[in-house]
Amino acid sequence: MEDLWIHSLLECNLARCIWTLEKEEIVELLSGILESDVKYWLAIMVKILPQEDIARVAITLWAIWFT
C-alpha cells in the first residue's frame, strides 16, 4: 500500500475510533490535507491547525502510530 501512513493514522478502524474523540472540524481538516509525503503533510497540519490543538493532535498521531 503506497500511502500506508495515511491508512494507519487516519483511515484504519482503530484510528477512526480514536479520531471520534476529537473535534469534528479538526478531523475534517486532517482528512482534507491531500499530501502523500508525511513530512509535508505534518508541516501543512501545523500551519492550518489552531495553536492550541497542535500538541493534542501530534500526541494523538503518535499514540495511533505507536499502537
PDB file of N, CA and C in Angstrom:
ATOM      1  N   MET A   1       0.849  -1.172   0.000  1.00  0.00           N
ATOM      2  CA  MET A   1       0.000   0.000   0.000  1.00  0.00           C
ATOM      3  C   MET A   1       0.894   1.235   0.000  1.00  0.00           C
ATOM      4  N   GLU A   2       0.707   2.098  -0.977  1.00  0.00           N
ATOM      5  CA  GLU A   2       1.583   3.249  -1.172  1.00  0.00           C
ATOM      6  C   GLU A   2       1.501   4.243  -0.018  1.00  0.00           C
ATOM      7  N   ASP A   3       0.330   4.584   0.432  1.00  0.00           N
ATOM      8  CA  ASP A   3       0.154   5.562   1.496  1.00  0.00           C
ATOM      9  C   ASP A   3      -0.190   4.882   2.808  1.00  0.00           C
ATOM     10  N   LEU A   4       0.669   3.994   3.218  1.00  0.00           N
ATOM     11  CA  LEU A   4       0.437   3.224   4.437  1.00  0.00           C
ATOM     12  C   LEU A   4       0.260   4.126   5.653  1.00  0.00           C
ATOM     13  N   TRP A   5       1.025   5.195   5.735  1.00  0.00           N
ATOM     14  CA  TRP A   5       0.924   6.073   6.900  1.00  0.00           C
ATOM     15  C   TRP A   5      -0.443   6.742   6.971  1.00  0.00           C
ATOM     16  N   ILE A   6      -1.003   7.110   5.818  1.00  0.00           N
ATOM     17  CA  ILE A   6      -2.339   7.719   5.808  1.00  0.00           C
ATOM     18  C   ILE A   6      -3.371   6.716   6.329  1.00  0.00           C
ATOM     19  N   HIS A   7      -3.276   5.503   5.843  1.00  0.00           N
ATOM     20  CA  HIS A   7      -4.207   4.476   6.301  1.00  0.00           C
ATOM     21  C   HIS A   7      -4.044   4.253   7.804  1.00  0.00           C
ATOM     22  N   SER A   8      -2.810   4.115   8.242  1.00  0.00           N
ATOM     23  CA  SER A   8      -2.553   3.822   9.657  1.00  0.00           C
ATOM     24  C   SER A   8      -2.995   4.938  10.591  1.00  0.00           C
ATOM     25  N   LEU A   9      -2.771   6.185  10.190  1.00  0.00           N
ATOM     26  CA  LEU A   9      -3.043   7.308  11.087  1.00  0.00           C
ATOM     27  C   LEU A   9      -4.450   7.885  10.989  1.00  0.00           C
ATOM     28  N   LEU A  10      -5.119   7.668   9.847  1.00  0.00           N
ATOM     29  CA  LEU A  10      -6.421   8.308   9.663  1.00  0.00           C
ATOM     30  C   LEU A  10      -7.548   7.367   9.278  1.00  0.00           C
ATOM     31  N   GLU A  11      -7.247   6.312   8.535  1.00  0.00           N
ATOM     32  CA  GLU A  11      -8.314   5.550   7.896  1.00  0.00           C
ATOM     33  C   GLU A  11      -8.623   4.178   8.497  1.00  0.00           C
ATOM     34  N   CYS A  12      -7.682   3.563   9.184  1.00  0.00           N
ATOM     35  CA  CYS A  12      -7.964   2.223   9.707  1.00  0.00           C
ATOM     36  C   CYS A  12      -9.010   2.309  10.826  1.00  0.00           C
ATOM     37  N   ASN A  13      -9.612   1.194  11.150  1.00  0.00           N
ATOM     38  CA  ASN A  13     -10.683   1.171  12.157  1.00  0.00           C
ATOM     39  C   ASN A  13     -10.241   1.732  13.503  1.00  0.00           C
ATOM     40  N   LEU A  14      -9.057   1.355  13.960  1.00  0.00           N
ATOM     41  CA  LEU A  14      -8.551   1.846  15.243  1.00  0.00           C
ATOM     42  C   LEU A  14      -8.417   3.367  15.212  1.00  0.00           C
ATOM     43  N   ALA A  15      -7.802   3.894  14.148  1.00  0.00           N
ATOM     44  CA  ALA A  15      -7.616   5.346  14.036  1.00  0.00           C
ATOM     45  C   ALA A  15      -8.960   6.065  13.999  1.00  0.00           C
ATOM     46  N   ARG A  16      -9.884   5.548  13.237  1.00  0.00           N
ATOM     47  CA  ARG A  16     -11.207   6.187  13.152  1.00  0.00           C
ATOM     48  C   ARG A  16     -11.890   6.233  14.516  1.00  0.00           C
ATOM     49  N   CYS A  17     -11.757   5.168  15.277  1.00  0.00           N
ATOM     50  CA  CYS A  17     -12.351   5.148  16.621  1.00  0.00           C
ATOM     51  C   CYS A  17     -11.725   6.220  17.508  1.00  0.00           C
ATOM     52  N   ILE A  18     -10.420   6.371  17.429  1.00  0.00           N
ATOM     53  CA  ILE A  18      -9.734   7.370  18.248  1.00  0.00           C
ATOM     54  C   ILE A  18     -10.108   8.780  17.801  1.00  0.00           C
ATOM     55  N   TRP A  19     -10.171   9.008  16.481  1.00  0.00           N
ATOM     56  CA  TRP A  19     -10.480  10.349  15.984  1.00  0.00           C
ATOM     57  C   TRP A  19     -11.913  10.774  16.296  1.00  0.00           C
ATOM     58  N   THR A  20     -12.806   9.837  16.620  1.00  0.00           N
ATOM     59  CA  THR A  20     -14.163  10.246  17.001  1.00  0.00           C
ATOM     60  C   THR A  20     -14.160  11.030  18.313  1.00  0.00           C
ATOM     61  N   LEU A  21     -13.084  10.928  19.073  1.00  0.00           N
ATOM     62  CA  LEU A  21     -12.963  11.669  20.333  1.00  0.00           C
ATOM     63  C   LEU A  21     -12.494  13.104  20.119  1.00  0.00           C
ATOM     64  N   GLU A  22     -12.059  13.413  18.919  1.00  0.00           N
ATOM     65  CA  GLU A  22     -11.537  14.747  18.583  1.00  0.00           C
ATOM     66  C   GLU A  22     -12.647  15.605  17.992  1.00  0.00           C
ATOM     67  N   LYS A  23     -12.418  16.899  17.971  1.00  0.00           N
ATOM     68  CA  LYS A  23     -13.375  17.827  17.356  1.00  0.00           C
ATOM     69  C   LYS A  23     -13.543  17.471  15.887  1.00  0.00           C
ATOM     70  N   GLU A  24     -14.780  17.467  15.427  1.00  0.00           N
ATOM     71  CA  GLU A  24     -15.088  17.067  14.053  1.00  0.00           C
ATOM     72  C   GLU A  24     -14.374  17.940  13.020  1.00  0.00           C
ATOM     73  N   GLU A  25     -14.293  19.245  13.281  1.00  0.00           N
ATOM     74  CA  GLU A  25     -13.649  20.136  12.309  1.00  0.00           C
ATOM     75  C   GLU A  25     -12.147  19.857  12.173  1.00  0.00           C
ATOM     76  N   ILE A  26     -11.522  19.409  13.250  1.00  0.00           N
ATOM     77  CA  ILE A  26     -10.096  19.065  13.178  1.00  0.00           C
ATOM     78  C   ILE A  26      -9.907  17.808  12.339  1.00  0.00           C
ATOM     79  N   VAL A  27     -10.741  16.823  12.551  1.00  0.00           N
ATOM     80  CA  VAL A  27     -10.645  15.585  11.766  1.00  0.00           C
ATOM     81  C   VAL A  27     -10.880  15.882  10.287  1.00  0.00           C
ATOM     82  N   GLU A  28     -11.827  16.750   9.990  1.00  0.00           N
ATOM     83  CA  GLU A  28     -12.084  17.134   8.602  1.00  0.00           C
ATOM     84  C   GLU A  28     -10.872  17.843   8.005  1.00  0.00           C
ATOM     85  N   LEU A  29     -10.253  18.733   8.771  1.00  0.00           N
ATOM     86  CA  LEU A  29      -9.051  19.410   8.286  1.00  0.00           C
ATOM     87  C   LEU A  29      -7.931  18.408   7.996  1.00  0.00           C
ATOM     88  N   LEU A  30      -7.696  17.489   8.923  1.00  0.00           N
ATOM     89  CA  LEU A  30      -6.635  16.498   8.738  1.00  0.00           C
ATOM     90  C   LEU A  30      -6.909  15.615   7.529  1.00  0.00           C
ATOM     91  N   SER A  31      -8.136  15.197   7.379  1.00  0.00           N
ATOM     92  CA  SER A  31      -8.503  14.334   6.259  1.00  0.00           C
ATOM     93  C   SER A  31      -8.446  15.071   4.928  1.00  0.00           C
ATOM     94  N   GLY A  32      -8.585  16.372   4.977  1.00  0.00           N
ATOM     95  CA  GLY A  32      -8.597  17.159   3.755  1.00  0.00           C
ATOM     96  C   GLY A  32      -7.223  17.540   3.228  1.00  0.00           C
ATOM     97  N   ILE A  33      -6.174  17.255   3.989  1.00  0.00           N
ATOM     98  CA  ILE A  33      -4.821  17.561   3.523  1.00  0.00           C
ATOM     99  C   ILE A  33      -4.432  16.496   2.501  1.00  0.00           C
ATOM    100  N   LEU A  34      -4.357  16.891   1.261  1.00  0.00           N
ATOM    101  CA  LEU A  34      -4.077  15.944   0.179  1.00  0.00           C
ATOM    102  C   LEU A  34      -2.590  15.969  -0.158  1.00  0.00           C
ATOM    103  N   GLU A  35      -1.810  15.409   0.725  1.00  0.00           N
ATOM    104  CA  GLU A  35      -0.353  15.353   0.564  1.00  0.00           C
ATOM    105  C   GLU A  35       0.100  13.943   0.873  1.00  0.00           C
ATOM    106  N   SER A  36       0.875  13.353  -0.019  1.00  0.00           N
ATOM    107  CA  SER A  36       1.297  11.963   0.177  1.00  0.00           C
ATOM    108  C   SER A  36       2.597  11.848   0.973  1.00  0.00           C
ATOM    109  N   ASP A  37       3.379  12.904   1.046  1.00  0.00           N
ATOM    110  CA  ASP A  37       4.621  12.885   1.821  1.00  0.00           C
ATOM    111  C   ASP A  37       4.302  13.286   3.258  1.00  0.00           C
ATOM    112  N   VAL A  38       4.592  12.411   4.180  1.00  0.00           N
ATOM    113  CA  VAL A  38       4.208  12.632   5.572  1.00  0.00           C
ATOM    114  C   VAL A  38       4.832  13.894   6.154  1.00  0.00           C
ATOM    115  N   LYS A  39       6.065  14.222   5.776  1.00  0.00           N
ATOM    116  CA  LYS A  39       6.703  15.439   6.302  1.00  0.00           C
ATOM    117  C   LYS A  39       5.958  16.689   5.864  1.00  0.00           C
ATOM    118  N   TYR A  40       5.574  16.740   4.596  1.00  0.00           N
ATOM    119  CA  TYR A  40       4.825  17.891   4.107  1.00  0.00           C
ATOM    120  C   TYR A  40       3.424  17.923   4.703  1.00  0.00           C
ATOM    121  N   TRP A  41       2.836  16.747   4.872  1.00  0.00           N
ATOM    122  CA  TRP A  41       1.511  16.652   5.483  1.00  0.00           C
ATOM    123  C   TRP A  41       1.544  17.240   6.897  1.00  0.00           C
ATOM    124  N   LEU A  42       2.568  16.855   7.663  1.00  0.00           N
ATOM    125  CA  LEU A  42       2.705  17.380   9.025  1.00  0.00           C
ATOM    126  C   LEU A  42       2.939  18.890   9.024  1.00  0.00           C
ATOM    127  N   ALA A  43       3.746  19.380   8.088  1.00  0.00           N
ATOM    128  CA  ALA A  43       4.005  20.821   8.001  1.00  0.00           C
ATOM    129  C   ALA A  43       2.715  21.581   7.700  1.00  0.00           C
ATOM    130  N   ILE A  44       1.913  21.058   6.799  1.00  0.00           N
ATOM    131  CA  ILE A  44       0.630  21.693   6.485  1.00  0.00           C
ATOM    132  C   ILE A  44      -0.285  21.656   7.706  1.00  0.00           C
ATOM    133  N   MET A  45      -0.293  20.516   8.395  1.00  0.00           N
ATOM    134  CA  MET A  45      -1.119  20.372   9.590  1.00  0.00           C
ATOM    135  C   MET A  45      -0.778  21.456  10.611  1.00  0.00           C
ATOM    136  N   VAL A  46       0.515  21.668  10.829  1.00  0.00           N
ATOM    137  CA  VAL A  46       0.949  22.670  11.805  1.00  0.00           C
ATOM    138  C   VAL A  46       0.524  24.073  11.374  1.00  0.00           C
ATOM    139  N   LYS A  47       0.524  24.331  10.070  1.00  0.00           N
ATOM    140  CA  LYS A  47       0.143  25.658   9.572  1.00  0.00           C
ATOM    141  C   LYS A  47      -1.354  25.924   9.678  1.00  0.00           C
ATOM    142  N   ILE A  48      -2.182  24.890   9.485  1.00  0.00           N
ATOM    143  CA  ILE A  48      -3.622  25.142   9.417  1.00  0.00           C
ATOM    144  C   ILE A  48      -4.367  24.931  10.734  1.00  0.00           C
ATOM    145  N   LEU A  49      -3.799  24.177  11.650  1.00  0.00           N
ATOM    146  CA  LEU A  49      -4.488  23.947  12.922  1.00  0.00           C
ATOM    147  C   LEU A  49      -4.303  25.124  13.872  1.00  0.00           C
ATOM    148  N   PRO A  50      -5.311  25.398  14.658  1.00  0.00           N
ATOM    149  CA  PRO A  50      -5.133  26.404  15.709  1.00  0.00           C
ATOM    150  C   PRO A  50      -4.013  25.958  16.661  1.00  0.00           C
ATOM    151  N   GLN A  51      -3.243  26.904  17.152  1.00  0.00           N
ATOM    152  CA  GLN A  51      -2.081  26.625  18.005  1.00  0.00           C
ATOM    153  C   GLN A  51      -2.433  25.710  19.179  1.00  0.00           C
ATOM    154  N   GLU A  52      -3.592  25.934  19.788  1.00  0.00           N
ATOM    155  CA  GLU A  52      -3.953  25.146  20.976  1.00  0.00           C
ATOM    156  C   GLU A  52      -4.264  23.682  20.652  1.00  0.00           C
ATOM    157  N   ASP A  53      -4.457  23.345  19.380  1.00  0.00           N
ATOM    158  CA  ASP A  53      -4.786  21.971  19.003  1.00  0.00           C
ATOM    159  C   ASP A  53      -3.593  21.155  18.514  1.00  0.00           C
ATOM    160  N   ILE A  54      -2.501  21.816  18.159  1.00  0.00           N
ATOM    161  CA  ILE A  54      -1.367  21.123  17.523  1.00  0.00           C
ATOM    162  C   ILE A  54      -0.772  20.044  18.431  1.00  0.00           C
ATOM    163  N   ALA A  55      -0.494  20.356  19.678  1.00  0.00           N
ATOM    164  CA  ALA A  55       0.131  19.379  20.580  1.00  0.00           C
ATOM    165  C   ALA A  55      -0.783  18.175  20.790  1.00  0.00           C
ATOM    166  N   ARG A  56      -2.072  18.414  21.001  1.00  0.00           N
ATOM    167  CA  ARG A  56      -3.006  17.310  21.229  1.00  0.00           C
ATOM    168  C   ARG A  56      -3.088  16.405  20.005  1.00  0.00           C
ATOM    169  N   VAL A  57      -3.152  17.001  18.824  1.00  0.00           N
ATOM    170  CA  VAL A  57      -3.227  16.215  17.595  1.00  0.00           C
ATOM    171  C   VAL A  57      -1.920  15.442  17.375  1.00  0.00           C
ATOM    172  N   ALA A  58      -0.785  16.085  17.640  1.00  0.00           N
ATOM    173  CA  ALA A  58       0.504  15.405  17.482  1.00  0.00           C
ATOM    174  C   ALA A  58       0.614  14.207  18.425  1.00  0.00           C
ATOM    175  N   ILE A  59       0.170  14.376  19.643  1.00  0.00           N
ATOM    176  CA  ILE A  59       0.198  13.270  20.613  1.00  0.00           C
ATOM    177  C   ILE A  59      -0.751  12.163  20.178  1.00  0.00           C
ATOM    178  N   THR A  60      -1.896  12.523  19.663  1.00  0.00           N
ATOM    179  CA  THR A  60      -2.845  11.529  19.160  1.00  0.00           C
ATOM    180  C   THR A  60      -2.252  10.756  17.998  1.00  0.00           C
ATOM    181  N   LEU A  61      -1.619  11.457  17.060  1.00  0.00           N
ATOM    182  CA  LEU A  61      -0.970  10.789  15.929  1.00  0.00           C
ATOM    183  C   LEU A  61       0.111   9.828  16.418  1.00  0.00           C
ATOM    184  N   TRP A  62       0.915  10.271  17.386  1.00  0.00           N
ATOM    185  CA  TRP A  62       1.959   9.408  17.930  1.00  0.00           C
ATOM    186  C   TRP A  62       1.351   8.171  18.585  1.00  0.00           C
ATOM    187  N   ALA A  63       0.300   8.363  19.374  1.00  0.00           N
ATOM    188  CA  ALA A  63      -0.324   7.240  20.072  1.00  0.00           C
ATOM    189  C   ALA A  63      -0.919   6.227  19.078  1.00  0.00           C
ATOM    190  N   ILE A  64      -1.530   6.711  18.013  1.00  0.00           N
ATOM    191  CA  ILE A  64      -2.074   5.806  16.993  1.00  0.00           C
ATOM    192  C   ILE A  64      -0.945   5.037  16.339  1.00  0.00           C
ATOM    193  N   TRP A  65       0.123   5.742  15.947  1.00  0.00           N
ATOM    194  CA  TRP A  65       1.252   5.086  15.274  1.00  0.00           C
ATOM    195  C   TRP A  65       1.906   4.054  16.191  1.00  0.00           C
ATOM    196  N   PHE A  66       2.105   4.422  17.461  1.00  0.00           N
ATOM    197  CA  PHE A  66       2.752   3.531  18.415  1.00  0.00           C
ATOM    198  C   PHE A  66       1.923   2.270  18.657  1.00  0.00           C
ATOM    199  N   THR A  67       0.600   2.423  18.613  1.00  0.00           N
ATOM    200  CA  THR A  67      -0.296   1.291  18.831  1.00  0.00           C
ATOM    201  C   THR A  67      -0.188   0.341  17.674  1.00  0.00           C
TER     202      THR A  67
END
